[in-house]
Amino acid sequence: MQTLESYAITPLIQQERVSLPPALIISIQLLMGVLFGILGLALATPMAALGLTLVRETYVRRYLEREDGEADARTDLQPSA
């Protein structure tokens, strides 16, 4: 059961929830491995996922909300036909 969970269920859930580009994963693993050794290599992917999620939740979401608000304001200013 644990093998099924480790090799099938967990990767499918992670793929849906956190989508990391492969080049980003390899780059972060190389950088963290060189800087912090084996511990950095072990923590590189989770730290990359955390960082990407934080950026998406803080900056991207705010930008999209601001853009939607501006679009609503523009449509409110246009005269109706």
Protein backbone atom coordinates (compact mmCIF):
# COMPACT_ATOMS: atom_id res chain seq x y z
CA MET A 1 0.00 0.00 0.00
CA GLN A 2 2.82 2.40 0.85
CA THR A 3 4.50 1.67 -2.49
CA LEU A 4 1.30 2.52 -4.34
CA GLU A 5 0.98 5.73 -2.36
CA SER A 6 4.64 6.71 -2.79
CA TYR A 7 4.92 6.01 -6.51
CA ALA A 8 1.43 6.74 -7.82
CA ILE A 9 -0.95 8.67 -5.58
CA THR A 10 1.43 11.25 -4.09
CA PRO A 11 3.05 12.27 -7.43
CA LEU A 12 -0.38 12.65 -9.07
CA ILE A 13 -1.60 14.91 -6.28
CA GLN A 14 1.63 16.93 -6.30
CA GLN A 15 1.49 17.30 -10.07
CA GLU A 16 -2.00 18.77 -9.86
CA ARG A 17 -1.33 21.06 -6.90
CA VAL A 18 2.22 22.28 -7.56
CA SER A 19 3.34 22.51 -11.14
CA LEU A 20 7.07 23.21 -11.28
CA PRO A 21 8.91 23.49 -14.59
CA PRO A 22 11.59 20.77 -14.88
CA ALA A 23 14.31 23.30 -15.74
CA LEU A 24 13.52 25.21 -12.54
CA ILE A 25 13.77 22.05 -10.43
CA ILE A 26 17.12 21.04 -11.91
CA SER A 27 18.53 24.56 -11.61
CA ILE A 28 17.45 24.94 -7.98
CA GLN A 29 18.78 21.49 -7.10
CA LEU A 30 22.15 22.26 -8.64
CA LEU A 31 22.39 25.64 -6.94
CA MET A 32 21.30 24.39 -3.52
CA GLY A 33 23.51 21.30 -3.83
CA VAL A 34 26.59 23.41 -4.55
CA LEU A 35 25.83 25.95 -1.83
CA PHE A 36 24.56 23.72 1.00
CA GLY A 37 25.57 20.17 0.08
CA ILE A 38 23.33 17.16 0.52
CA LEU A 39 20.92 18.96 2.87
CA GLY A 40 20.44 21.74 0.31
CA LEU A 41 19.83 19.16 -2.39
CA ALA A 42 17.22 17.41 -0.26
CA LEU A 43 15.39 20.66 0.52
CA ALA A 44 15.71 22.27 -2.94
CA THR A 45 12.46 21.05 -4.51
CA PRO A 46 10.21 21.74 -1.51
CA MET A 47 11.76 25.20 -1.13
CA ALA A 48 11.22 25.90 -4.84
CA ALA A 49 7.59 24.81 -4.55
CA LEU A 50 7.14 27.03 -1.50
CA GLY A 51 8.72 30.02 -3.21
CA LEU A 52 6.70 29.60 -6.40
CA THR A 53 3.47 29.23 -4.43
CA LEU A 54 4.21 32.34 -2.37
CA VAL A 55 4.91 34.37 -5.51
CA ARG A 56 1.73 33.16 -7.17
CA GLU A 57 -0.42 33.85 -4.13
CA THR A 58 0.97 37.27 -3.26
CA TYR A 59 2.03 38.98 -6.45
CA VAL A 60 0.19 37.26 -9.28
CA ARG A 61 -3.17 37.14 -7.52
CA ARG A 62 -2.93 40.83 -6.55
CA TYR A 63 -2.00 41.79 -10.09
CA LEU A 64 -4.91 39.84 -11.58
CA GLU A 65 -7.36 41.30 -9.06
CA ARG A 66 -6.12 44.81 -9.81
CA GLU A 67 -6.39 44.17 -13.55
CA ASP A 68 -9.96 42.88 -13.16
CA GLY A 69 -10.89 45.97 -11.14
CA GLU A 70 -9.50 48.26 -13.83
CA ALA A 71 -11.40 46.37 -16.52
CA ASP A 72 -14.63 46.73 -14.53
CA ALA A 73 -14.00 50.45 -14.08
CA ARG A 74 -13.45 50.89 -17.83
CA THR A 75 -16.69 49.13 -18.71
CA ASP A 76 -18.59 51.24 -16.14
CA LEU A 77 -17.36 54.45 -17.78
CA GLN A 78 -18.51 53.52 -21.27
CA PRO A 79 -21.98 54.79 -22.22
CA SER A 80 -24.62 52.17 -22.75
CA ALA A 81 -26.22 51.90 -26.18
